[in-house]
Amino acid sequence: MVRGARLMVGGRQVVGERGAPVPAPAGGAMVDAEARATLAAVLDRLRAQGLTN
């Protein structure tokens, strides 16, 4: 197990402390069901990997 406050690659921070949770897509004037399903799947995968809440 590796522990630290952040991960730097090429001088750029790529992983750090978690920010606020990313909400699921909702609302808006135009609803795109396929895009919302894809965004929900991406968020689920990020949460499963522990990269977001």
C-alpha atoms as a PDB file:
ATOM      1  CA  MET A   1       0.000   0.000   0.000  1.00  0.00           C
ATOM      2  CA  VAL A   2       1.230   3.474  -0.885  1.00  0.00           C
ATOM      3  CA  ARG A   3       0.099   6.467   1.130  1.00  0.00           C
ATOM      4  CA  GLY A   4       0.524  10.129   0.323  1.00  0.00           C
ATOM      5  CA  ALA A   5      -1.229  13.441  -0.131  1.00  0.00           C
ATOM      6  CA  ARG A   6      -0.952  13.611  -3.935  1.00  0.00           C
ATOM      7  CA  LEU A   7       0.448  11.935  -7.029  1.00  0.00           C
ATOM      8  CA  MET A   8       2.562  13.986  -9.420  1.00  0.00           C
ATOM      9  CA  VAL A   9       3.359  12.984 -13.017  1.00  0.00           C
ATOM     10  CA  GLY A  10       5.663  15.156 -15.085  1.00  0.00           C
ATOM     11  CA  GLY A  11       5.421  17.933 -12.508  1.00  0.00           C
ATOM     12  CA  ARG A  12       1.618  18.010 -12.687  1.00  0.00           C
ATOM     13  CA  GLN A  13      -0.683  16.817  -9.920  1.00  0.00           C
ATOM     14  CA  VAL A  14      -2.918  14.054 -11.289  1.00  0.00           C
ATOM     15  CA  VAL A  15      -4.400  12.681  -8.056  1.00  0.00           C
ATOM     16  CA  GLY A  16      -5.021  14.549  -4.813  1.00  0.00           C
ATOM     17  CA  GLU A  17      -7.609  14.977  -2.116  1.00  0.00           C
ATOM     18  CA  ARG A  18     -11.182  14.268  -3.043  1.00  0.00           C
ATOM     19  CA  GLY A  19     -13.318  17.223  -3.942  1.00  0.00           C
ATOM     20  CA  ALA A  20     -17.064  17.536  -3.558  1.00  0.00           C
ATOM     21  CA  PRO A  21     -19.162  14.660  -4.954  1.00  0.00           C
ATOM     22  CA  VAL A  22     -20.144  14.934  -8.615  1.00  0.00           C
ATOM     23  CA  PRO A  23     -23.945  14.878  -8.890  1.00  0.00           C
ATOM     24  CA  ALA A  24     -25.756  12.640 -11.349  1.00  0.00           C
ATOM     25  CA  PRO A  25     -27.044  14.451 -14.443  1.00  0.00           C
ATOM     26  CA  ALA A  26     -30.482  16.004 -13.909  1.00  0.00           C
ATOM     27  CA  GLY A  27     -32.582  18.866 -15.217  1.00  0.00           C
ATOM     28  CA  GLY A  28     -31.921  20.965 -18.286  1.00  0.00           C
ATOM     29  CA  ALA A  29     -34.010  22.001 -21.255  1.00  0.00           C
ATOM     30  CA  MET A  30     -32.936  19.046 -23.432  1.00  0.00           C
ATOM     31  CA  VAL A  31     -32.769  15.510 -22.050  1.00  0.00           C
ATOM     32  CA  ASP A  32     -30.364  13.108 -23.768  1.00  0.00           C
ATOM     33  CA  ALA A  33     -30.994   9.699 -22.203  1.00  0.00           C
ATOM     34  CA  GLU A  34     -27.946   8.060 -23.819  1.00  0.00           C
ATOM     35  CA  ALA A  35     -25.589  10.799 -22.618  1.00  0.00           C
ATOM     36  CA  ARG A  36     -27.044  10.675 -19.110  1.00  0.00           C
ATOM     37  CA  ALA A  37     -26.679   6.899 -18.994  1.00  0.00           C
ATOM     38  CA  THR A  38     -23.056   7.181 -20.114  1.00  0.00           C
ATOM     39  CA  LEU A  39     -22.279   9.868 -17.522  1.00  0.00           C
ATOM     40  CA  ALA A  40     -23.935   7.783 -14.817  1.00  0.00           C
ATOM     41  CA  ALA A  41     -21.811   4.772 -15.829  1.00  0.00           C
ATOM     42  CA  VAL A  42     -18.611   6.863 -15.722  1.00  0.00           C
ATOM     43  CA  LEU A  43     -19.515   8.210 -12.273  1.00  0.00           C
ATOM     44  CA  ASP A  44     -20.291   4.682 -11.043  1.00  0.00           C
ATOM     45  CA  ARG A  45     -16.891   3.461 -12.247  1.00  0.00           C
ATOM     46  CA  LEU A  46     -15.053   6.418 -10.657  1.00  0.00           C
ATOM     47  CA  ARG A  47     -16.859   5.763  -7.366  1.00  0.00           C
ATOM     48  CA  ALA A  48     -16.035   2.043  -7.520  1.00  0.00           C
ATOM     49  CA  GLN A  49     -12.351   2.928  -7.964  1.00  0.00           C
ATOM     50  CA  GLY A  50     -12.514   5.346  -5.036  1.00  0.00           C
ATOM     51  CA  LEU A  51     -11.685   8.356  -7.199  1.00  0.00           C
ATOM     52  CA  THR A  52     -14.828  10.326  -6.328  1.00  0.00           C
ATOM     53  CA  ASN A  53     -17.756  10.158  -3.919  1.00  0.00           C
END
